[in-house]
PDB file of N, CA and C in Angstrom:
ATOM      1  N   UNK A   1     110.192  86.449  94.113  1.00  0.00           N
ATOM      2  CA  UNK A   1     109.012  86.729  93.348  1.00  0.00           C
ATOM      3  C   UNK A   1     107.810  86.248  94.160  1.00  0.00           C
ATOM      4  N   UNK A   2     106.823  87.071  94.297  1.00  0.00           N
ATOM      5  CA  UNK A   2     105.606  86.744  95.037  1.00  0.00           C
ATOM      6  C   UNK A   2     104.488  86.518  94.030  1.00  0.00           C
ATOM      7  N   UNK A   3     103.835  85.359  94.143  1.00  0.00           N
ATOM      8  CA  UNK A   3     102.748  85.055  93.221  1.00  0.00           C
ATOM      9  C   UNK A   3     101.446  84.989  94.011  1.00  0.00           C
ATOM     10  N   UNK A   4     100.406  85.518  93.438  1.00  0.00           N
ATOM     11  CA  UNK A   4      99.102  85.514  94.092  1.00  0.00           C
ATOM     12  C   UNK A   4      98.099  84.866  93.148  1.00  0.00           C
ATOM     13  N   UNK A   5      97.350  83.934  93.692  1.00  0.00           N
ATOM     14  CA  UNK A   5      96.324  83.249  92.920  1.00  0.00           C
ATOM     15  C   UNK A   5      94.978  83.611  93.529  1.00  0.00           C
ATOM     16  N   UNK A   6      94.049  84.023  92.730  1.00  0.00           N
ATOM     17  CA  UNK A   6      92.715  84.346  93.227  1.00  0.00           C
ATOM     18  C   UNK A   6      91.716  83.297  92.766  1.00  0.00           C
ATOM     19  N   UNK A   7      90.745  83.014  93.594  1.00  0.00           N
ATOM     20  CA  UNK A   7      89.725  82.043  93.232  1.00  0.00           C
ATOM     21  C   UNK A   7      88.405  82.485  93.846  1.00  0.00           C
ATOM     22  N   UNK A   8      87.363  82.407  93.047  1.00  0.00           N
ATOM     23  CA  UNK A   8      86.035  82.782  93.530  1.00  0.00           C
ATOM     24  C   UNK A   8      85.338  81.547  94.074  1.00  0.00           C
ATOM     25  N   UNK A   9      84.825  81.654  95.294  1.00  0.00           N
ATOM     26  CA  UNK A   9      84.117  80.548  95.928  1.00  0.00           C
ATOM     27  C   UNK A   9      82.703  81.003  96.225  1.00  0.00           C
ATOM     28  N   UNK A  10      81.724  80.373  95.580  1.00  0.00           N
ATOM     29  CA  UNK A  10      80.316  80.671  95.816  1.00  0.00           C
ATOM     30  C   UNK A  10      80.062  82.177  95.885  1.00  0.00           C
ATOM     31  N   UNK A  11      80.552  82.886  94.934  1.00  0.00           N
ATOM     32  CA  UNK A  11      80.288  84.310  94.860  1.00  0.00           C
ATOM     33  C   UNK A  11      81.200  85.164  95.725  1.00  0.00           C
ATOM     34  N   UNK A  12      81.988  84.545  96.602  1.00  0.00           N
ATOM     35  CA  UNK A  12      82.923  85.317  97.428  1.00  0.00           C
ATOM     36  C   UNK A  12      84.092  85.725  96.550  1.00  0.00           C
ATOM     37  N   UNK A  13      84.682  86.837  96.849  1.00  0.00           N
ATOM     38  CA  UNK A  13      85.814  87.310  96.068  1.00  0.00           C
ATOM     39  C   UNK A  13      87.014  87.452  97.004  1.00  0.00           C
ATOM     40  N   UNK A  14      87.628  86.340  97.314  1.00  0.00           N
ATOM     41  CA  UNK A  14      88.769  86.336  98.238  1.00  0.00           C
ATOM     42  C   UNK A  14      89.998  85.793  97.535  1.00  0.00           C
ATOM     43  N   UNK A  15      91.153  86.286  97.923  1.00  0.00           N
ATOM     44  CA  UNK A  15      92.407  85.766  97.400  1.00  0.00           C
ATOM     45  C   UNK A  15      92.861  84.611  98.287  1.00  0.00           C
ATOM     46  N   UNK A  16      93.197  83.508  97.639  1.00  0.00           N
ATOM     47  CA  UNK A  16      93.725  82.375  98.391  1.00  0.00           C
ATOM     48  C   UNK A  16      94.980  81.865  97.701  1.00  0.00           C
ATOM     49  N   UNK A  17      95.784  81.116  98.413  1.00  0.00           N
ATOM     50  CA  UNK A  17      96.962  80.506  97.816  1.00  0.00           C
ATOM     51  C   UNK A  17      98.119  81.461  97.601  1.00  0.00           C
ATOM     52  N   UNK A  18      98.329  82.390  98.491  1.00  0.00           N
ATOM     53  CA  UNK A  18      99.448  83.310  98.371  1.00  0.00           C
ATOM     54  C   UNK A  18     100.704  82.590  98.857  1.00  0.00           C
ATOM     55  N   UNK A  19     101.763  82.590  98.028  1.00  0.00           N
ATOM     56  CA  UNK A  19     102.992  81.935  98.449  1.00  0.00           C
ATOM     57  C   UNK A  19     104.202  82.567  97.798  1.00  0.00           C
ATOM     58  N   UNK A  20     105.337  82.281  98.350  1.00  0.00           N
ATOM     59  CA  UNK A  20     106.618  82.758  97.841  1.00  0.00           C
ATOM     60  C   UNK A  20     107.188  81.656  96.946  1.00  0.00           C
ATOM     61  N   UNK A  21     107.326  81.923  95.653  1.00  0.00           N
ATOM     62  CA  UNK A  21     107.780  80.909  94.694  1.00  0.00           C
ATOM     63  C   UNK A  21     109.151  80.366  95.049  1.00  0.00           C
ATOM     64  N   UNK A  22     110.072  81.208  95.455  1.00  0.00           N
ATOM     65  CA  UNK A  22     111.419  80.741  95.809  1.00  0.00           C
ATOM     66  C   UNK A  22     111.364  79.800  97.011  1.00  0.00           C
ATOM     67  N   UNK A  23     110.547  80.131  97.993  1.00  0.00           N
ATOM     68  CA  UNK A  23     110.415  79.267  99.171  1.00  0.00           C
ATOM     69  C   UNK A  23     109.770  77.941  98.781  1.00  0.00           C
ATOM     70  N   UNK A  24     108.779  77.999  97.904  1.00  0.00           N
ATOM     71  CA  UNK A  24     108.124  76.773  97.448  1.00  0.00           C
ATOM     72  C   UNK A  24     109.101  75.897  96.672  1.00  0.00           C
ATOM     73  N   UNK A  25     109.908  76.519  95.802  1.00  0.00           N
ATOM     74  CA  UNK A  25     110.910  75.768  95.042  1.00  0.00           C
ATOM     75  C   UNK A  25     111.947  75.131  95.966  1.00  0.00           C
ATOM     76  N   UNK A  26     112.368  75.847  96.992  1.00  0.00           N
ATOM     77  CA  UNK A  26     113.336  75.316  97.957  1.00  0.00           C
ATOM     78  C   UNK A  26     112.721  74.142  98.720  1.00  0.00           C
ATOM     79  N   UNK A  27     111.458  74.263  99.076  1.00  0.00           N
ATOM     80  CA  UNK A  27     110.753  73.185  99.765  1.00  0.00           C
ATOM     81  C   UNK A  27     110.735  71.927  98.899  1.00  0.00           C
ATOM     82  N   UNK A  28     110.432  72.077  97.622  1.00  0.00           N
ATOM     83  CA  UNK A  28     110.405  70.941  96.694  1.00  0.00           C
ATOM     84  C   UNK A  28     111.799  70.336  96.563  1.00  0.00           C
ATOM     85  N   UNK A  29     112.843  71.183  96.487  1.00  0.00           N
ATOM     86  CA  UNK A  29     114.224  70.680  96.405  1.00  0.00           C
ATOM     87  C   UNK A  29     114.574  69.855  97.638  1.00  0.00           C
ATOM     88  N   UNK A  30     114.153  70.331  98.811  1.00  0.00           N
ATOM     89  CA  UNK A  30     114.432  69.608 100.056  1.00  0.00           C
ATOM     90  C   UNK A  30     113.752  68.247 100.062  1.00  0.00           C
ATOM     91  N   UNK A  31     112.509  68.204  99.615  1.00  0.00           N
ATOM     92  CA  UNK A  31     111.789  66.930  99.550  1.00  0.00           C
ATOM     93  C   UNK A  31     112.481  65.984  98.574  1.00  0.00           C
ATOM     94  N   UNK A  32     112.869  66.499  97.418  1.00  0.00           N
ATOM     95  CA  UNK A  32     113.571  65.677  96.428  1.00  0.00           C
ATOM     96  C   UNK A  32     114.878  65.137  97.001  1.00  0.00           C
ATOM     97  N   UNK A  33     115.601  65.973  97.763  1.00  0.00           N
ATOM     98  CA  UNK A  33     116.863  65.555  98.348  1.00  0.00           C
ATOM     99  C   UNK A  33     116.640  64.462  99.394  1.00  0.00           C
ATOM    100  N   UNK A  34     115.609  64.618 100.203  1.00  0.00           N
ATOM    101  CA  UNK A  34     115.293  63.600 101.213  1.00  0.00           C
ATOM    102  C   UNK A  34     114.915  62.283 100.543  1.00  0.00           C
ATOM    103  N   UNK A  35     114.133  62.371  99.467  1.00  0.00           N
ATOM    104  CA  UNK A  35     113.756  61.160  98.731  1.00  0.00           C
ATOM    105  C   UNK A  35     114.997  60.479  98.149  1.00  0.00           C
ATOM    106  N   UNK A  36     115.914  61.259  97.593  1.00  0.00           N
ATOM    107  CA  UNK A  36     117.131  60.699  97.013  1.00  0.00           C
ATOM    108  C   UNK A  36     117.995  60.042  98.091  1.00  0.00           C
ATOM    109  N   UNK A  37     118.082  60.666  99.259  1.00  0.00           N
ATOM    110  CA  UNK A  37     118.854  60.079 100.358  1.00  0.00           C
ATOM    111  C   UNK A  37     118.247  58.757 100.798  1.00  0.00           C
ATOM    112  N   UNK A  38     116.934  58.722 100.921  1.00  0.00           N
ATOM    113  CA  UNK A  38     116.239  57.494 101.336  1.00  0.00           C
ATOM    114  C   UNK A  38     116.444  56.387 100.312  1.00  0.00           C
ATOM    115  N   UNK A  39     116.353  56.739  99.036  1.00  0.00           N
ATOM    116  CA  UNK A  39     116.557  55.754  97.974  1.00  0.00           C
ATOM    117  C   UNK A  39     117.996  55.223  98.025  1.00  0.00           C
ATOM    118  N   UNK A  40     118.947  56.099  98.219  1.00  0.00           N
ATOM    119  CA  UNK A  40     120.345  55.691  98.310  1.00  0.00           C
ATOM    120  C   UNK A  40     120.594  54.794  99.506  1.00  0.00           C
ATOM    121  N   UNK A  41     119.963  55.112 100.614  1.00  0.00           N
ATOM    122  CA  UNK A  41     120.111  54.303 101.825  1.00  0.00           C
ATOM    123  C   UNK A  41     119.575  52.894 101.587  1.00  0.00           C
ATOM    124  N   UNK A  42     118.401  52.796 100.955  1.00  0.00           N
ATOM    125  CA  UNK A  42     117.805  51.489 100.664  1.00  0.00           C
ATOM    126  C   UNK A  42     118.683  50.684  99.712  1.00  0.00           C
ATOM    127  N   UNK A  43     119.226  51.354  98.706  1.00  0.00           N
ATOM    128  CA  UNK A  43     120.096  50.666  97.753  1.00  0.00           C
ATOM    129  C   UNK A  43     121.366  50.172  98.447  1.00  0.00           C
ATOM    130  N   UNK A  44     121.903  50.981  99.339  1.00  0.00           N
ATOM    131  CA  UNK A  44     123.098  50.587 100.078  1.00  0.00           C
ATOM    132  C   UNK A  44     122.845  49.388 100.971  1.00  0.00           C
ATOM    133  N   UNK A  45     121.702  49.375 101.646  1.00  0.00           N
ATOM    134  CA  UNK A  45     121.362  48.240 102.503  1.00  0.00           C
ATOM    135  C   UNK A  45     121.155  46.970 101.683  1.00  0.00           C
ATOM    136  N   UNK A  46     120.521  47.093 100.530  1.00  0.00           N
ATOM    137  CA  UNK A  46     120.300  45.937  99.661  1.00  0.00           C
ATOM    138  C   UNK A  46     121.632  45.392  99.161  1.00  0.00           C
ATOM    139  N   UNK A  47     122.547  46.281  98.798  1.00  0.00           N
ATOM    140  CA  UNK A  47     123.862  45.859  98.323  1.00  0.00           C
ATOM    141  C   UNK A  47     124.629  45.156  99.433  1.00  0.00           C
ATOM    142  N   UNK A  48     124.556  45.685 100.643  1.00  0.00           N
ATOM    143  CA  UNK A  48     125.254  45.070 101.777  1.00  0.00           C
ATOM    144  C   UNK A  48     124.684  43.689 102.073  1.00  0.00           C
ATOM    145  N   UNK A  49     123.361  43.530 101.983  1.00  0.00           N
ATOM    146  CA  UNK A  49     122.737  42.222 102.206  1.00  0.00           C
ATOM    147  C   UNK A  49     123.246  41.213 101.175  1.00  0.00           C
ATOM    148  N   UNK A  50     123.423  41.654  99.934  1.00  0.00           N
ATOM    149  CA  UNK A  50     123.942  40.766  98.888  1.00  0.00           C
ATOM    150  C   UNK A  50     125.388  40.373  99.180  1.00  0.00           C
ATOM    151  N   UNK A  51     126.192  41.324  99.633  1.00  0.00           N
ATOM    152  CA  UNK A  51     127.580  41.028  99.973  1.00  0.00           C
ATOM    153  C   UNK A  51     127.658  40.014 101.110  1.00  0.00           C
ATOM    154  N   UNK A  52     126.819  40.202 102.111  1.00  0.00           N
ATOM    155  CA  UNK A  52     126.790  39.272 103.244  1.00  0.00           C
ATOM    156  C   UNK A  52     126.336  37.892 102.768  1.00  0.00           C
ATOM    157  N   UNK A  53     125.320  37.859 101.911  1.00  0.00           N
ATOM    158  CA  UNK A  53     124.831  36.588 101.381  1.00  0.00           C
ATOM    159  C   UNK A  53     125.934  35.861 100.621  1.00  0.00           C
ATOM    160  N   UNK A  54     126.699  36.588  99.822  1.00  0.00           N
ATOM    161  CA  UNK A  54     127.806  35.963  99.092  1.00  0.00           C
ATOM    162  C   UNK A  54     128.830  35.366 100.053  1.00  0.00           C
ATOM    163  N   UNK A  55     129.152  36.097 101.106  1.00  0.00           N
ATOM    164  CA  UNK A  55     130.097  35.572 102.091  1.00  0.00           C
ATOM    165  C   UNK A  55     129.557  34.321 102.767  1.00  0.00           C
ATOM    166  N   UNK A  56     128.269  34.313 103.042  1.00  0.00           N
ATOM    167  CA  UNK A  56     127.645  33.145 103.663  1.00  0.00           C
ATOM    168  C   UNK A  56     127.666  31.947 102.708  1.00  0.00           C
ATOM    169  N   UNK A  57     127.408  32.200 101.441  1.00  0.00           N
ATOM    170  CA  UNK A  57     127.451  31.126 100.454  1.00  0.00           C
ATOM    171  C   UNK A  57     128.868  30.576 100.310  1.00  0.00           C
ATOM    172  N   UNK A  58     129.843  31.469 100.344  1.00  0.00           N
ATOM    173  CA  UNK A  58     131.247  31.033 100.270  1.00  0.00           C
ATOM    174  C   UNK A  58     131.612  30.153 101.468  1.00  0.00           C
ATOM    175  N   UNK A  59     130.916  30.380 102.583  1.00  0.00           N
ATOM    176  CA  UNK A  59     131.149  29.573 103.787  1.00  0.00           C
ATOM    177  C   UNK A  59     130.267  28.319 103.774  1.00  0.00           C
ATOM    178  N   UNK A  60     129.697  28.004 102.604  1.00  0.00           N
ATOM    179  CA  UNK A  60     128.878  26.806 102.394  1.00  0.00           C
ATOM    180  C   UNK A  60     127.615  26.756 103.247  1.00  0.00           C
ATOM    181  N   UNK A  61     127.030  27.915 103.523  1.00  0.00           N
ATOM    182  CA  UNK A  61     125.764  27.927 104.253  1.00  0.00           C
ATOM    183  C   UNK A  61     124.628  27.592 103.304  1.00  0.00           C
ATOM    184  N   UNK A  62     123.599  26.996 103.833  1.00  0.00           N
ATOM    185  CA  UNK A  62     122.419  26.605 103.082  1.00  0.00           C
ATOM    186  C   UNK A  62     121.671  27.851 102.586  1.00  0.00           C
ATOM    187  N   UNK A  63     121.135  27.770 101.376  1.00  0.00           N
ATOM    188  CA  UNK A  63     120.424  28.904 100.771  1.00  0.00           C
ATOM    189  C   UNK A  63     119.244  29.344 101.637  1.00  0.00           C
ATOM    190  N   UNK A  64     118.526  28.397 102.213  1.00  0.00           N
ATOM    191  CA  UNK A  64     117.376  28.740 103.065  1.00  0.00           C
ATOM    192  C   UNK A  64     117.833  29.532 104.288  1.00  0.00           C
ATOM    193  N   UNK A  65     118.963  29.135 104.878  1.00  0.00           N
ATOM    194  CA  UNK A  65     119.492  29.862 106.032  1.00  0.00           C
ATOM    195  C   UNK A  65     119.963  31.258 105.641  1.00  0.00           C
ATOM    196  N   UNK A  66     120.613  31.352 104.502  1.00  0.00           N
ATOM    197  CA  UNK A  66     121.077  32.662 104.012  1.00  0.00           C
ATOM    198  C   UNK A  66     119.875  33.577 103.807  1.00  0.00           C
ATOM    199  N   UNK A  67     118.811  33.032 103.262  1.00  0.00           N
ATOM    200  CA  UNK A  67     117.587  33.807 103.032  1.00  0.00           C
ATOM    201  C   UNK A  67     117.017  34.318 104.353  1.00  0.00           C
ATOM    202  N   UNK A  68     116.922  33.427 105.342  1.00  0.00           N
ATOM    203  CA  UNK A  68     116.385  33.821 106.647  1.00  0.00           C
ATOM    204  C   UNK A  68     117.214  34.929 107.292  1.00  0.00           C
ATOM    205  N   UNK A  69     118.527  34.801 107.194  1.00  0.00           N
ATOM    206  CA  UNK A  69     119.404  35.740 107.898  1.00  0.00           C
ATOM    207  C   UNK A  69     119.599  37.072 107.185  1.00  0.00           C
ATOM    208  N   UNK A  70     119.463  37.094 105.864  1.00  0.00           N
ATOM    209  CA  UNK A  70     119.678  38.339 105.118  1.00  0.00           C
ATOM    210  C   UNK A  70     118.385  39.023 104.709  1.00  0.00           C
ATOM    211  N   UNK A  71     117.282  38.256 104.688  1.00  0.00           N
ATOM    212  CA  UNK A  71     116.020  38.820 104.227  1.00  0.00           C
ATOM    213  C   UNK A  71     115.880  38.804 102.715  1.00  0.00           C
ATOM    214  N   UNK A  72     116.876  38.263 102.020  1.00  0.00           N
ATOM    215  CA  UNK A  72     116.803  38.167 100.562  1.00  0.00           C
ATOM    216  C   UNK A  72     115.967  36.950 100.177  1.00  0.00           C
ATOM    217  N   UNK A  73     115.347  37.012  99.018  1.00  0.00           N
ATOM    218  CA  UNK A  73     114.565  35.884  98.523  1.00  0.00           C
ATOM    219  C   UNK A  73     115.507  34.788  98.025  1.00  0.00           C
ATOM    220  N   UNK A  74     115.061  33.556  98.143  1.00  0.00           N
ATOM    221  CA  UNK A  74     115.892  32.430  97.736  1.00  0.00           C
ATOM    222  C   UNK A  74     116.276  32.505  96.260  1.00  0.00           C
ATOM    223  N   UNK A  75     115.359  32.967  95.409  1.00  0.00           N
ATOM    224  CA  UNK A  75     115.672  33.111  93.983  1.00  0.00           C
ATOM    225  C   UNK A  75     116.845  34.067  93.777  1.00  0.00           C
ATOM    226  N   UNK A  76     116.855  35.135  94.534  1.00  0.00           N
ATOM    227  CA  UNK A  76     117.939  36.115  94.409  1.00  0.00           C
ATOM    228  C   UNK A  76     119.261  35.521  94.893  1.00  0.00           C
ATOM    229  N   UNK A  77     119.194  34.721  95.932  1.00  0.00           N
ATOM    230  CA  UNK A  77     120.406  34.090  96.463  1.00  0.00           C
ATOM    231  C   UNK A  77     120.937  33.057  95.474  1.00  0.00           C
ATOM    232  N   UNK A  78     120.046  32.311  94.852  1.00  0.00           N
ATOM    233  CA  UNK A  78     120.472  31.333  93.842  1.00  0.00           C
ATOM    234  C   UNK A  78     121.163  32.056  92.684  1.00  0.00           C
ATOM    235  N   UNK A  79     120.610  33.194  92.298  1.00  0.00           N
ATOM    236  CA  UNK A  79     121.230  33.995  91.236  1.00  0.00           C
ATOM    237  C   UNK A  79     122.619  34.466  91.673  1.00  0.00           C
ATOM    238  N   UNK A  80     122.730  34.915  92.916  1.00  0.00           N
ATOM    239  CA  UNK A  80     124.038  35.346  93.433  1.00  0.00           C
ATOM    240  C   UNK A  80     125.028  34.182  93.452  1.00  0.00           C
ATOM    241  N   UNK A  81     124.543  33.003  93.806  1.00  0.00           N
ATOM    242  CA  UNK A  81     125.439  31.849  93.917  1.00  0.00           C
ATOM    243  C   UNK A  81     126.014  31.454  92.571  1.00  0.00           C
ATOM    244  N   UNK A  82     125.330  31.802  91.488  1.00  0.00           N
ATOM    245  CA  UNK A  82     125.857  31.475  90.159  1.00  0.00           C
ATOM    246  C   UNK A  82     127.067  32.322  89.808  1.00  0.00           C
ATOM    247  N   UNK A  83     127.310  33.392  90.578  1.00  0.00           N
ATOM    248  CA  UNK A  83     128.469  34.259  90.333  1.00  0.00           C
ATOM    249  C   UNK A  83     129.713  33.791  91.084  1.00  0.00           C
ATOM    250  N   UNK A  84     129.578  32.720  91.870  1.00  0.00           N
ATOM    251  CA  UNK A  84     130.735  32.227  92.636  1.00  0.00           C
ATOM    252  C   UNK A  84     131.679  31.434  91.784  1.00  0.00           C
TER     253      UNK A  84
END
Protein backbone atom coordinates (compact mmCIF):
# COMPACT_ATOMS: atom_id res chain seq x y z
CA UNK A 1 0.00 0.00 0.00
CA UNK A 2 1.41 3.39 -0.97
CA UNK A 3 0.42 6.37 1.14
CA UNK A 4 0.89 9.97 0.10
CA UNK A 5 0.73 12.91 2.46
CA UNK A 6 0.42 16.43 1.10
CA UNK A 7 1.33 19.58 2.97
CA UNK A 8 1.17 23.21 1.92
CA UNK A 9 4.23 25.28 2.77
CA UNK A 10 3.96 29.06 2.45
CA UNK A 11 1.53 28.82 -0.41
CA UNK A 12 3.49 26.12 -2.25
CA UNK A 13 1.49 23.09 -3.26
CA UNK A 14 3.96 20.21 -3.12
CA UNK A 15 3.56 16.62 -2.00
CA UNK A 16 5.96 15.56 0.70
CA UNK A 17 6.35 12.47 2.85
CA UNK A 18 5.71 9.78 0.26
CA UNK A 19 6.48 6.35 1.70
CA UNK A 20 5.69 2.67 1.47
CA UNK A 21 3.69 1.66 4.57
CA UNK A 22 4.88 -1.96 4.48
CA UNK A 23 8.51 -0.86 4.28
CA UNK A 24 7.96 1.61 7.12
CA UNK A 25 6.31 -1.09 9.25
CA UNK A 26 9.21 -3.48 8.56
CA UNK A 27 11.68 -0.75 9.52
CA UNK A 28 9.87 -0.23 12.84
CA UNK A 29 9.84 -4.02 13.46
CA UNK A 30 13.60 -4.15 12.86
CA UNK A 31 14.22 -1.32 15.30
CA UNK A 32 12.00 -3.00 17.90
CA UNK A 33 13.88 -6.27 17.40
CA UNK A 34 17.26 -4.57 17.81
CA UNK A 35 16.03 -2.85 20.98
CA UNK A 36 14.78 -6.18 22.36
CA UNK A 37 18.12 -7.86 21.59
CA UNK A 38 20.04 -5.06 23.31
CA UNK A 39 17.77 -5.24 26.36
CA UNK A 40 18.21 -9.02 26.52
CA UNK A 41 21.97 -8.69 26.23
CA UNK A 42 22.07 -6.18 29.11
CA UNK A 43 19.87 -8.40 31.26
CA UNK A 44 22.09 -11.39 30.53
CA UNK A 45 25.24 -9.49 31.47
CA UNK A 46 23.64 -8.26 34.70
CA UNK A 47 22.57 -11.80 35.59
CA UNK A 48 26.07 -13.14 34.90
CA UNK A 49 27.61 -10.42 37.11
CA UNK A 50 25.28 -11.50 39.93
CA UNK A 51 26.26 -15.15 39.47
CA UNK A 52 29.94 -14.24 39.58
CA UNK A 53 29.36 -12.09 42.67
CA UNK A 54 27.66 -15.00 44.42
CA UNK A 55 30.60 -17.26 43.63
CA UNK A 56 32.99 -14.64 44.97
CA UNK A 57 30.96 -14.29 48.16
CA UNK A 58 30.95 -18.07 48.58
CA UNK A 59 34.75 -17.87 48.36
CA UNK A 60 34.62 -15.40 51.30
CA UNK A 61 35.72 -12.38 49.28
CA UNK A 62 35.13 -8.95 50.75
CA UNK A 63 31.99 -7.12 49.54
CA UNK A 64 34.04 -4.08 48.50
CA UNK A 65 36.29 -6.27 46.35
CA UNK A 66 33.31 -8.06 44.81
CA UNK A 67 31.83 -4.66 43.97
CA UNK A 68 35.05 -3.47 42.31
CA UNK A 69 35.44 -6.62 40.25
CA UNK A 70 31.82 -7.08 39.13
CA UNK A 71 30.70 -3.47 38.84
CA UNK A 72 27.70 -4.20 41.06
CA UNK A 73 26.78 -1.79 43.85
CA UNK A 74 27.60 -2.86 47.38
CA UNK A 75 23.91 -2.68 48.38
CA UNK A 76 23.07 -5.17 45.65
CA UNK A 77 25.87 -7.48 46.75
CA UNK A 78 24.70 -7.34 50.36
CA UNK A 79 21.22 -8.29 49.15
CA UNK A 80 22.71 -11.19 47.17
CA UNK A 81 24.70 -12.33 50.20
CA UNK A 82 21.48 -12.71 52.19
CA UNK A 83 20.52 -15.53 49.79
CA UNK A 84 23.54 -17.64 50.77
